Structure formats: structure tokens, C-alpha cells
């Protein structure tokens, strides 16, 4: 089991979550589409050669984003990350995957 954390701009929240759930994320026991989310502020500065979804080259940006966490079974992790990269509007989405131990 893994825990996926991803940062998503407000307007893309539901489409990205839907893509992740469709790929197999967010199932815990007899429950599906499970996640935890909270709003925060992301910061980044697009560099030359980037194609920013938000912002402009060489200008620091602060953007309202959602931090979304959900579990993913080992068998689905590759499909979920593929779906994330396809559905997310950012050129390089910020995410991490953590191995969850169950004793």
C-alpha cells in the first residue's frame, strides 16, 4: 500500500481526483473515492524553457492549491501516476509517494 500526496490548483481538483479514483486510487476496505484534502498556497518560479500553466517566466508565483492525499494499492500505483500526469494541468505536477506499512 502507498500513500499519494499531490498538489492541485482549485479548478482542476475534481477532474484530477476523478482520474486518480478511476485508475484505482482511494480504496480502503469497503470504501472507495477516499481522500483527505486541505487548501494551501503553492509557490514556484517558472524558468526559461518551461511552459507554465499559471504564471510567467522568471516571476515568483503564489497559487491557491489543494493538497490531496489518498491510498493506492501496490498493483495500481503505476496506473495512478500515469493518470495523474495525464489529468493534471501542470507541466510538472508536484507529488510524492510513500510506502505505508501495515503491521
PDB file of N, CA and C in Angstrom:
ATOM      1  N   UNK A   1       0.856  -1.183   0.000  1.00  0.00           N
ATOM      2  CA  UNK A   1       0.000   0.000   0.000  1.00  0.00           C
ATOM      3  C   UNK A   1       0.896   1.239   0.000  1.00  0.00           C
ATOM      4  N   UNK A   2       0.465   2.241  -0.736  1.00  0.00           N
ATOM      5  CA  UNK A   2       1.166   3.515  -0.798  1.00  0.00           C
ATOM      6  C   UNK A   2       0.216   4.646  -0.425  1.00  0.00           C
ATOM      7  N   UNK A   3       0.788   5.776  -0.040  1.00  0.00           N
ATOM      8  CA  UNK A   3       0.014   6.999   0.128  1.00  0.00           C
ATOM      9  C   UNK A   3       0.542   7.999  -0.898  1.00  0.00           C
ATOM     10  N   UNK A   4      -0.364   8.500  -1.717  1.00  0.00           N
ATOM     11  CA  UNK A   4      -0.043   9.504  -2.729  1.00  0.00           C
ATOM     12  C   UNK A   4      -0.458  10.865  -2.205  1.00  0.00           C
ATOM     13  N   UNK A   5       0.432  11.831  -2.296  1.00  0.00           N
ATOM     14  CA  UNK A   5       0.127  13.224  -1.983  1.00  0.00           C
ATOM     15  C   UNK A   5       0.393  14.032  -3.241  1.00  0.00           C
ATOM     16  N   UNK A   6      -0.582  14.851  -3.626  1.00  0.00           N
ATOM     17  CA  UNK A   6      -0.447  15.669  -4.835  1.00  0.00           C
ATOM     18  C   UNK A   6      -1.016  17.060  -4.572  1.00  0.00           C
ATOM     19  N   UNK A   7      -0.464  18.052  -5.231  1.00  0.00           N
ATOM     20  CA  UNK A   7      -0.890  19.439  -5.090  1.00  0.00           C
ATOM     21  C   UNK A   7      -1.577  19.868  -6.379  1.00  0.00           C
ATOM     22  N   UNK A   8      -2.829  20.349  -6.257  1.00  0.00           N
ATOM     23  CA  UNK A   8      -3.687  20.575  -7.419  1.00  0.00           C
ATOM     24  C   UNK A   8      -4.314  21.964  -7.353  1.00  0.00           C
ATOM     25  N   UNK A   9      -4.271  22.748  -8.452  1.00  0.00           N
ATOM     26  CA  UNK A   9      -4.970  24.041  -8.429  1.00  0.00           C
ATOM     27  C   UNK A   9      -6.479  23.821  -8.350  1.00  0.00           C
ATOM     28  N   UNK A  10      -7.169  24.781  -7.762  1.00  0.00           N
ATOM     29  CA  UNK A  10      -8.593  24.643  -7.458  1.00  0.00           C
ATOM     30  C   UNK A  10      -9.427  24.180  -8.652  1.00  0.00           C
ATOM     31  N   UNK A  11      -9.252  24.801  -9.805  1.00  0.00           N
ATOM     32  CA  UNK A  11     -10.109  24.496 -10.954  1.00  0.00           C
ATOM     33  C   UNK A  11      -9.913  23.079 -11.488  1.00  0.00           C
ATOM     34  N   UNK A  12      -8.811  22.434 -11.131  1.00  0.00           N
ATOM     35  CA  UNK A  12      -8.537  21.082 -11.617  1.00  0.00           C
ATOM     36  C   UNK A  12      -8.766  20.016 -10.547  1.00  0.00           C
ATOM     37  N   UNK A  13      -9.191  20.416  -9.359  1.00  0.00           N
ATOM     38  CA  UNK A  13      -9.310  19.477  -8.234  1.00  0.00           C
ATOM     39  C   UNK A  13     -10.171  18.263  -8.566  1.00  0.00           C
ATOM     40  N   UNK A  14     -11.408  18.463  -8.936  1.00  0.00           N
ATOM     41  CA  UNK A  14     -12.318  17.337  -9.155  1.00  0.00           C
ATOM     42  C   UNK A  14     -11.931  16.484 -10.370  1.00  0.00           C
ATOM     43  N   UNK A  15     -11.536  17.086 -11.511  1.00  0.00           N
ATOM     44  CA  UNK A  15     -11.107  16.236 -12.630  1.00  0.00           C
ATOM     45  C   UNK A  15      -9.879  15.372 -12.310  1.00  0.00           C
ATOM     46  N   UNK A  16      -8.911  15.925 -11.589  1.00  0.00           N
ATOM     47  CA  UNK A  16      -7.716  15.136 -11.248  1.00  0.00           C
ATOM     48  C   UNK A  16      -8.084  14.028 -10.276  1.00  0.00           C
ATOM     49  N   UNK A  17      -8.862  14.351  -9.239  1.00  0.00           N
ATOM     50  CA  UNK A  17      -9.284  13.313  -8.302  1.00  0.00           C
ATOM     51  C   UNK A  17     -10.059  12.210  -9.019  1.00  0.00           C
ATOM     52  N   UNK A  18     -10.957  12.572  -9.901  1.00  0.00           N
ATOM     53  CA  UNK A  18     -11.731  11.572 -10.644  1.00  0.00           C
ATOM     54  C   UNK A  18     -10.823  10.651 -11.452  1.00  0.00           C
ATOM     55  N   UNK A  19      -9.808  11.207 -12.081  1.00  0.00           N
ATOM     56  CA  UNK A  19      -8.858  10.399 -12.858  1.00  0.00           C
ATOM     57  C   UNK A  19      -8.086   9.441 -11.953  1.00  0.00           C
ATOM     58  N   UNK A  20      -7.690   9.915 -10.784  1.00  0.00           N
ATOM     59  CA  UNK A  20      -6.954   9.063  -9.848  1.00  0.00           C
ATOM     60  C   UNK A  20      -7.842   7.930  -9.326  1.00  0.00           C
ATOM     61  N   UNK A  21      -9.083   8.260  -8.967  1.00  0.00           N
ATOM     62  CA  UNK A  21     -10.005   7.233  -8.499  1.00  0.00           C
ATOM     63  C   UNK A  21     -10.276   6.207  -9.598  1.00  0.00           C
ATOM     64  N   UNK A  22     -10.470   6.664 -10.828  1.00  0.00           N
ATOM     65  CA  UNK A  22     -10.736   5.756 -11.948  1.00  0.00           C
ATOM     66  C   UNK A  22      -9.562   4.814 -12.212  1.00  0.00           C
ATOM     67  N   UNK A  23      -8.342   5.276 -11.886  1.00  0.00           N
ATOM     68  CA  UNK A  23      -7.144   4.456 -12.094  1.00  0.00           C
ATOM     69  C   UNK A  23      -6.887   3.497 -10.930  1.00  0.00           C
ATOM     70  N   UNK A  24      -7.679   3.611  -9.855  1.00  0.00           N
ATOM     71  CA  UNK A  24      -7.546   2.649  -8.763  1.00  0.00           C
ATOM     72  C   UNK A  24      -7.141   3.218  -7.421  1.00  0.00           C
ATOM     73  N   UNK A  25      -7.002   4.521  -7.299  1.00  0.00           N
ATOM     74  CA  UNK A  25      -6.616   5.123  -6.013  1.00  0.00           C
ATOM     75  C   UNK A  25      -7.835   5.319  -5.114  1.00  0.00           C
ATOM     76  N   UNK A  26      -7.576   5.447  -3.818  1.00  0.00           N
ATOM     77  CA  UNK A  26      -8.612   5.858  -2.880  1.00  0.00           C
ATOM     78  C   UNK A  26      -9.536   4.785  -2.361  1.00  0.00           C
ATOM     79  N   UNK A  27      -9.144   3.516  -2.435  1.00  0.00           N
ATOM     80  CA  UNK A  27      -9.981   2.449  -1.901  1.00  0.00           C
ATOM     81  C   UNK A  27      -9.401   1.950  -0.586  1.00  0.00           C
ATOM     82  N   UNK A  28     -10.249   1.968   0.443  1.00  0.00           N
ATOM     83  CA  UNK A  28      -9.867   1.475   1.768  1.00  0.00           C
ATOM     84  C   UNK A  28     -10.970   0.525   2.230  1.00  0.00           C
ATOM     85  N   UNK A  29     -10.667  -0.762   2.276  1.00  0.00           N
ATOM     86  CA  UNK A  29     -11.670  -1.738   2.690  1.00  0.00           C
ATOM     87  C   UNK A  29     -12.887  -1.676   1.785  1.00  0.00           C
ATOM     88  N   UNK A  30     -14.060  -1.483   2.374  1.00  0.00           N
ATOM     89  CA  UNK A  30     -15.309  -1.418   1.623  1.00  0.00           C
ATOM     90  C   UNK A  30     -15.696   0.011   1.255  1.00  0.00           C
ATOM     91  N   UNK A  31     -14.715   0.901   1.168  1.00  0.00           N
ATOM     92  CA  UNK A  31     -14.960   2.301   0.823  1.00  0.00           C
ATOM     93  C   UNK A  31     -14.108   2.669  -0.379  1.00  0.00           C
ATOM     94  N   UNK A  32     -14.658   3.517  -1.249  1.00  0.00           N
ATOM     95  CA  UNK A  32     -13.896   3.988  -2.399  1.00  0.00           C
ATOM     96  C   UNK A  32     -13.968   5.507  -2.464  1.00  0.00           C
ATOM     97  N   UNK A  33     -13.142   6.074  -3.323  1.00  0.00           N
ATOM     98  CA  UNK A  33     -13.032   7.523  -3.507  1.00  0.00           C
ATOM     99  C   UNK A  33     -12.705   8.226  -2.191  1.00  0.00           C
ATOM    100  N   UNK A  34     -11.862   7.578  -1.382  1.00  0.00           N
ATOM    101  CA  UNK A  34     -11.432   8.135  -0.099  1.00  0.00           C
ATOM    102  C   UNK A  34     -10.218   9.033  -0.319  1.00  0.00           C
ATOM    103  N   UNK A  35     -10.246  10.203   0.296  1.00  0.00           N
ATOM    104  CA  UNK A  35      -9.079  11.080   0.256  1.00  0.00           C
ATOM    105  C   UNK A  35      -9.182  12.087   1.395  1.00  0.00           C
ATOM    106  N   UNK A  36      -8.103  12.771   1.621  1.00  0.00           N
ATOM    107  CA  UNK A  36      -8.049  13.872   2.574  1.00  0.00           C
ATOM    108  C   UNK A  36      -7.507  15.052   1.794  1.00  0.00           C
ATOM    109  N   UNK A  37      -8.094  16.235   2.000  1.00  0.00           N
ATOM    110  CA  UNK A  37      -7.643  17.404   1.249  1.00  0.00           C
ATOM    111  C   UNK A  37      -7.726  18.655   2.105  1.00  0.00           C
ATOM    112  N   UNK A  38      -6.826  19.569   1.835  1.00  0.00           N
ATOM    113  CA  UNK A  38      -6.783  20.840   2.549  1.00  0.00           C
ATOM    114  C   UNK A  38      -6.221  21.894   1.600  1.00  0.00           C
ATOM    115  N   UNK A  39      -6.708  23.122   1.721  1.00  0.00           N
ATOM    116  CA  UNK A  39      -6.209  24.204   0.878  1.00  0.00           C
ATOM    117  C   UNK A  39      -4.948  24.810   1.476  1.00  0.00           C
ATOM    118  N   UNK A  40      -4.087  25.269   0.600  1.00  0.00           N
ATOM    119  CA  UNK A  40      -2.861  25.937   0.999  1.00  0.00           C
ATOM    120  C   UNK A  40      -2.373  26.800  -0.146  1.00  0.00           C
ATOM    121  N   UNK A  41      -1.149  27.254  -0.026  1.00  0.00           N
ATOM    122  CA  UNK A  41      -0.554  28.108  -1.049  1.00  0.00           C
ATOM    123  C   UNK A  41       0.724  27.472  -1.569  1.00  0.00           C
ATOM    124  N   UNK A  42       0.773  27.262  -2.883  1.00  0.00           N
ATOM    125  CA  UNK A  42       1.976  26.758  -3.530  1.00  0.00           C
ATOM    126  C   UNK A  42       2.798  27.918  -4.066  1.00  0.00           C
ATOM    127  N   UNK A  43       4.090  27.735  -4.138  1.00  0.00           N
ATOM    128  CA  UNK A  43       4.986  28.776  -4.642  1.00  0.00           C
ATOM    129  C   UNK A  43       5.935  28.163  -5.657  1.00  0.00           C
ATOM    130  N   UNK A  44       6.180  28.878  -6.751  1.00  0.00           N
ATOM    131  CA  UNK A  44       7.113  28.418  -7.777  1.00  0.00           C
ATOM    132  C   UNK A  44       7.507  29.592  -8.661  1.00  0.00           C
ATOM    133  N   UNK A  45       8.609  29.404  -9.380  1.00  0.00           N
ATOM    134  CA  UNK A  45       9.098  30.412 -10.317  1.00  0.00           C
ATOM    135  C   UNK A  45       9.431  29.708 -11.633  1.00  0.00           C
ATOM    136  N   UNK A  46       8.604  29.880 -12.669  1.00  0.00           N
ATOM    137  CA  UNK A  46       8.879  29.237 -13.953  1.00  0.00           C
ATOM    138  C   UNK A  46      10.196  29.736 -14.566  1.00  0.00           C
ATOM    139  N   UNK A  47      11.003  28.823 -15.001  1.00  0.00           N
ATOM    140  CA  UNK A  47      12.290  29.166 -15.613  1.00  0.00           C
ATOM    141  C   UNK A  47      12.192  29.120 -17.131  1.00  0.00           C
ATOM    142  N   UNK A  48      13.190  29.679 -17.783  1.00  0.00           N
ATOM    143  CA  UNK A  48      13.254  29.643 -19.247  1.00  0.00           C
ATOM    144  C   UNK A  48      13.170  28.198 -19.715  1.00  0.00           C
ATOM    145  N   UNK A  49      12.407  27.953 -20.759  1.00  0.00           N
ATOM    146  CA  UNK A  49      12.231  26.612 -21.290  1.00  0.00           C
ATOM    147  C   UNK A  49      10.996  25.906 -20.740  1.00  0.00           C
ATOM    148  N   UNK A  50      10.406  26.469 -19.693  1.00  0.00           N
ATOM    149  CA  UNK A  50       9.189  25.863 -19.146  1.00  0.00           C
ATOM    150  C   UNK A  50       7.967  26.378 -19.905  1.00  0.00           C
ATOM    151  N   UNK A  51       6.865  25.659 -19.743  1.00  0.00           N
ATOM    152  CA  UNK A  51       5.585  26.058 -20.311  1.00  0.00           C
ATOM    153  C   UNK A  51       4.584  26.095 -19.155  1.00  0.00           C
ATOM    154  N   UNK A  52       4.600  27.171 -18.374  1.00  0.00           N
ATOM    155  CA  UNK A  52       3.767  27.197 -17.169  1.00  0.00           C
ATOM    156  C   UNK A  52       2.274  27.281 -17.460  1.00  0.00           C
ATOM    157  N   UNK A  53       1.500  26.515 -16.706  1.00  0.00           N
ATOM    158  CA  UNK A  53       0.041  26.566 -16.767  1.00  0.00           C
ATOM    159  C   UNK A  53      -0.431  27.865 -16.113  1.00  0.00           C
ATOM    160  N   UNK A  54       0.263  28.264 -15.055  1.00  0.00           N
ATOM    161  CA  UNK A  54      -0.010  29.504 -14.322  1.00  0.00           C
ATOM    162  C   UNK A  54       1.302  30.260 -14.206  1.00  0.00           C
ATOM    163  N   UNK A  55       1.270  31.564 -14.388  1.00  0.00           N
ATOM    164  CA  UNK A  55       2.466  32.370 -14.164  1.00  0.00           C
ATOM    165  C   UNK A  55       3.241  32.694 -15.421  1.00  0.00           C
ATOM    166  N   UNK A  56       4.374  33.342 -15.206  1.00  0.00           N
ATOM    167  CA  UNK A  56       5.236  33.782 -16.303  1.00  0.00           C
ATOM    168  C   UNK A  56       6.688  33.494 -15.945  1.00  0.00           C
ATOM    169  N   UNK A  57       7.512  33.350 -16.968  1.00  0.00           N
ATOM    170  CA  UNK A  57       8.937  33.081 -16.751  1.00  0.00           C
ATOM    171  C   UNK A  57       9.568  34.125 -15.845  1.00  0.00           C
ATOM    172  N   UNK A  58      10.439  33.641 -14.970  1.00  0.00           N
ATOM    173  CA  UNK A  58      11.246  34.481 -14.076  1.00  0.00           C
ATOM    174  C   UNK A  58      10.416  35.354 -13.138  1.00  0.00           C
ATOM    175  N   UNK A  59       9.182  34.940 -12.853  1.00  0.00           N
ATOM    176  CA  UNK A  59       8.344  35.680 -11.913  1.00  0.00           C
ATOM    177  C   UNK A  59       7.826  34.704 -10.849  1.00  0.00           C
ATOM    178  N   UNK A  60       8.095  35.025  -9.593  1.00  0.00           N
ATOM    179  CA  UNK A  60       7.657  34.183  -8.496  1.00  0.00           C
ATOM    180  C   UNK A  60       6.141  34.205  -8.405  1.00  0.00           C
ATOM    181  N   UNK A  61       5.533  33.020  -8.301  1.00  0.00           N
ATOM    182  CA  UNK A  61       4.078  32.890  -8.236  1.00  0.00           C
ATOM    183  C   UNK A  61       3.669  32.240  -6.916  1.00  0.00           C
ATOM    184  N   UNK A  62       2.571  32.693  -6.376  1.00  0.00           N
ATOM    185  CA  UNK A  62       1.914  32.069  -5.230  1.00  0.00           C
ATOM    186  C   UNK A  62       0.503  31.735  -5.676  1.00  0.00           C
ATOM    187  N   UNK A  63       0.130  30.462  -5.553  1.00  0.00           N
ATOM    188  CA  UNK A  63      -1.128  29.982  -6.106  1.00  0.00           C
ATOM    189  C   UNK A  63      -1.895  29.185  -5.058  1.00  0.00           C
ATOM    190  N   UNK A  64      -3.203  29.428  -4.950  1.00  0.00           N
ATOM    191  CA  UNK A  64      -4.050  28.611  -4.091  1.00  0.00           C
ATOM    192  C   UNK A  64      -4.121  27.208  -4.684  1.00  0.00           C
ATOM    193  N   UNK A  65      -3.777  26.224  -3.888  1.00  0.00           N
ATOM    194  CA  UNK A  65      -3.791  24.839  -4.336  1.00  0.00           C
ATOM    195  C   UNK A  65      -4.398  23.966  -3.242  1.00  0.00           C
ATOM    196  N   UNK A  66      -4.785  22.775  -3.642  1.00  0.00           N
ATOM    197  CA  UNK A  66      -5.255  21.756  -2.721  1.00  0.00           C
ATOM    198  C   UNK A  66      -4.169  20.709  -2.544  1.00  0.00           C
ATOM    199  N   UNK A  67      -3.921  20.321  -1.298  1.00  0.00           N
ATOM    200  CA  UNK A  67      -3.071  19.169  -1.003  1.00  0.00           C
ATOM    201  C   UNK A  67      -4.028  17.999  -0.831  1.00  0.00           C
ATOM    202  N   UNK A  68      -3.879  16.992  -1.660  1.00  0.00           N
ATOM    203  CA  UNK A  68      -4.778  15.844  -1.646  1.00  0.00           C
ATOM    204  C   UNK A  68      -3.950  14.597  -1.353  1.00  0.00           C
ATOM    205  N   UNK A  69      -4.419  13.799  -0.398  1.00  0.00           N
ATOM    206  CA  UNK A  69      -3.760  12.549  -0.041  1.00  0.00           C
ATOM    207  C   UNK A  69      -4.743  11.408  -0.200  1.00  0.00           C
ATOM    208  N   UNK A  70      -4.251  10.284  -0.719  1.00  0.00           N
ATOM    209  CA  UNK A  70      -5.088   9.087  -0.848  1.00  0.00           C
ATOM    210  C   UNK A  70      -4.196   7.861  -0.895  1.00  0.00           C
ATOM    211  N   UNK A  71      -4.759   6.727  -0.506  1.00  0.00           N
ATOM    212  CA  UNK A  71      -4.004   5.483  -0.559  1.00  0.00           C
ATOM    213  C   UNK A  71      -4.137   4.858  -1.937  1.00  0.00           C
ATOM    214  N   UNK A  72      -3.123   4.059  -2.268  1.00  0.00           N
ATOM    215  CA  UNK A  72      -3.099   3.357  -3.559  1.00  0.00           C
ATOM    216  C   UNK A  72      -2.507   1.968  -3.328  1.00  0.00           C
ATOM    217  N   UNK A  73      -3.214   0.956  -3.784  1.00  0.00           N
ATOM    218  CA  UNK A  73      -2.681  -0.408  -3.712  1.00  0.00           C
ATOM    219  C   UNK A  73      -1.445  -0.523  -4.605  1.00  0.00           C
ATOM    220  N   UNK A  74      -0.522  -1.374  -4.206  1.00  0.00           N
ATOM    221  CA  UNK A  74       0.720  -1.570  -4.954  1.00  0.00           C
ATOM    222  C   UNK A  74       0.458  -1.890  -6.426  1.00  0.00           C
ATOM    223  N   UNK A  75      -0.531  -2.731  -6.701  1.00  0.00           N
ATOM    224  CA  UNK A  75      -0.825  -3.144  -8.077  1.00  0.00           C
ATOM    225  C   UNK A  75      -1.305  -1.988  -8.961  1.00  0.00           C
ATOM    226  N   UNK A  76      -1.793  -0.904  -8.351  1.00  0.00           N
ATOM    227  CA  UNK A  76      -2.352   0.214  -9.126  1.00  0.00           C
ATOM    228  C   UNK A  76      -1.452   1.436  -9.198  1.00  0.00           C
ATOM    229  N   UNK A  77      -0.328   1.442  -8.496  1.00  0.00           N
ATOM    230  CA  UNK A  77       0.454   2.684  -8.366  1.00  0.00           C
ATOM    231  C   UNK A  77       0.942   3.220  -9.713  1.00  0.00           C
ATOM    232  N   UNK A  78       1.392   2.382 -10.598  1.00  0.00           N
ATOM    233  CA  UNK A  78       1.890   2.872 -11.894  1.00  0.00           C
ATOM    234  C   UNK A  78       0.758   3.469 -12.733  1.00  0.00           C
ATOM    235  N   UNK A  79      -0.397   2.825 -12.743  1.00  0.00           N
ATOM    236  CA  UNK A  79      -1.550   3.357 -13.484  1.00  0.00           C
ATOM    237  C   UNK A  79      -2.019   4.678 -12.873  1.00  0.00           C
ATOM    238  N   UNK A  80      -1.972   4.783 -11.552  1.00  0.00           N
ATOM    239  CA  UNK A  80      -2.414   6.010 -10.886  1.00  0.00           C
ATOM    240  C   UNK A  80      -1.467   7.167 -11.210  1.00  0.00           C
ATOM    241  N   UNK A  81      -0.167   6.942 -11.179  1.00  0.00           N
ATOM    242  CA  UNK A  81       0.798   8.012 -11.502  1.00  0.00           C
ATOM    243  C   UNK A  81       0.667   8.415 -12.966  1.00  0.00           C
ATOM    244  N   UNK A  82       0.450   7.459 -13.846  1.00  0.00           N
ATOM    245  CA  UNK A  82       0.227   7.774 -15.259  1.00  0.00           C
ATOM    246  C   UNK A  82      -1.013   8.640 -15.418  1.00  0.00           C
ATOM    247  N   UNK A  83      -2.097   8.272 -14.733  1.00  0.00           N
ATOM    248  CA  UNK A  83      -3.338   9.059 -14.787  1.00  0.00           C
ATOM    249  C   UNK A  83      -3.130  10.458 -14.209  1.00  0.00           C
ATOM    250  N   UNK A  84      -2.367  10.551 -13.131  1.00  0.00           N
ATOM    251  CA  UNK A  84      -2.067  11.851 -12.527  1.00  0.00           C
ATOM    252  C   UNK A  84      -1.376  12.770 -13.525  1.00  0.00           C
ATOM    253  N   UNK A  85      -0.341  12.275 -14.167  1.00  0.00           N
ATOM    254  CA  UNK A  85       0.414  13.102 -15.112  1.00  0.00           C
ATOM    255  C   UNK A  85      -0.424  13.493 -16.325  1.00  0.00           C
ATOM    256  N   UNK A  86      -1.343  12.638 -16.722  1.00  0.00           N
ATOM    257  CA  UNK A  86      -2.198  12.946 -17.866  1.00  0.00           C
ATOM    258  C   UNK A  86      -3.288  13.960 -17.502  1.00  0.00           C
ATOM    259  N   UNK A  87      -3.870  13.844 -16.315  1.00  0.00           N
ATOM    260  CA  UNK A  87      -5.002  14.695 -15.923  1.00  0.00           C
ATOM    261  C   UNK A  87      -4.597  16.035 -15.318  1.00  0.00           C
ATOM    262  N   UNK A  88      -3.430  16.099 -14.729  1.00  0.00           N
ATOM    263  CA  UNK A  88      -3.004  17.319 -14.026  1.00  0.00           C
ATOM    264  C   UNK A  88      -2.621  18.404 -15.029  1.00  0.00           C
ATOM    265  N   UNK A  89      -3.046  19.648 -14.782  1.00  0.00           N
ATOM    266  CA  UNK A  89      -2.749  20.706 -15.751  1.00  0.00           C
ATOM    267  C   UNK A  89      -1.303  21.207 -15.731  1.00  0.00           C
ATOM    268  N   UNK A  90      -0.583  20.972 -14.646  1.00  0.00           N
ATOM    269  CA  UNK A  90       0.795  21.477 -14.566  1.00  0.00           C
ATOM    270  C   UNK A  90       1.730  20.663 -15.459  1.00  0.00           C
ATOM    271  N   UNK A  91       2.685  21.346 -16.030  1.00  0.00           N
ATOM    272  CA  UNK A  91       3.706  20.695 -16.853  1.00  0.00           C
ATOM    273  C   UNK A  91       4.459  19.639 -16.035  1.00  0.00           C
ATOM    274  N   UNK A  92       4.773  19.970 -14.786  1.00  0.00           N
ATOM    275  CA  UNK A  92       5.449  19.060 -13.874  1.00  0.00           C
ATOM    276  C   UNK A  92       4.696  19.066 -12.544  1.00  0.00           C
ATOM    277  N   UNK A  93       3.715  18.183 -12.370  1.00  0.00           N
ATOM    278  CA  UNK A  93       2.957  18.188 -11.117  1.00  0.00           C
ATOM    279  C   UNK A  93       3.838  17.812  -9.926  1.00  0.00           C
ATOM    280  N   UNK A  94       3.578  18.455  -8.794  1.00  0.00           N
ATOM    281  CA  UNK A  94       4.294  18.130  -7.563  1.00  0.00           C
ATOM    282  C   UNK A  94       3.517  17.027  -6.844  1.00  0.00           C
ATOM    283  N   UNK A  95       4.179  15.902  -6.608  1.00  0.00           N
ATOM    284  CA  UNK A  95       3.552  14.793  -5.896  1.00  0.00           C
ATOM    285  C   UNK A  95       4.625  13.959  -5.219  1.00  0.00           C
ATOM    286  N   UNK A  96       4.201  13.167  -4.239  1.00  0.00           N
ATOM    287  CA  UNK A  96       5.113  12.189  -3.656  1.00  0.00           C
ATOM    288  C   UNK A  96       4.335  10.932  -3.340  1.00  0.00           C
ATOM    289  N   UNK A  97       5.069   9.826  -3.281  1.00  0.00           N
ATOM    290  CA  UNK A  97       4.501   8.515  -2.992  1.00  0.00           C
ATOM    291  C   UNK A  97       5.287   7.940  -1.821  1.00  0.00           C
ATOM    292  N   UNK A  98       4.557   7.533  -0.779  1.00  0.00           N
ATOM    293  CA  UNK A  98       5.185   6.993   0.426  1.00  0.00           C
ATOM    294  C   UNK A  98       4.664   5.572   0.646  1.00  0.00           C
ATOM    295  N   UNK A  99       5.584   4.672   0.943  1.00  0.00           N
ATOM    296  CA  UNK A  99       5.207   3.294   1.260  1.00  0.00           C
ATOM    297  C   UNK A  99       4.558   3.267   2.642  1.00  0.00           C
ATOM    298  N   UNK A 100       3.370   2.677   2.749  1.00  0.00           N
ATOM    299  CA  UNK A 100       2.646   2.592   4.016  1.00  0.00           C
ATOM    300  C   UNK A 100       2.809   1.165   4.550  1.00  0.00           C
ATOM    301  N   UNK A 101       3.311   1.061   5.757  1.00  0.00           N
ATOM    302  CA  UNK A 101       3.497  -0.251   6.387  1.00  0.00           C
ATOM    303  C   UNK A 101       2.278  -0.591   7.219  1.00  0.00           C
ATOM    304  N   UNK A 102       1.846  -1.832   7.151  1.00  0.00           N
ATOM    305  CA  UNK A 102       0.706  -2.306   7.933  1.00  0.00           C
ATOM    306  C   UNK A 102       1.175  -3.486   8.760  1.00  0.00           C
ATOM    307  N   UNK A 103       1.290  -3.283  10.067  1.00  0.00           N
ATOM    308  CA  UNK A 103       1.767  -4.354  10.961  1.00  0.00           C
ATOM    309  C   UNK A 103       0.614  -5.035  11.641  1.00  0.00           C
TER     310      UNK A 103
END
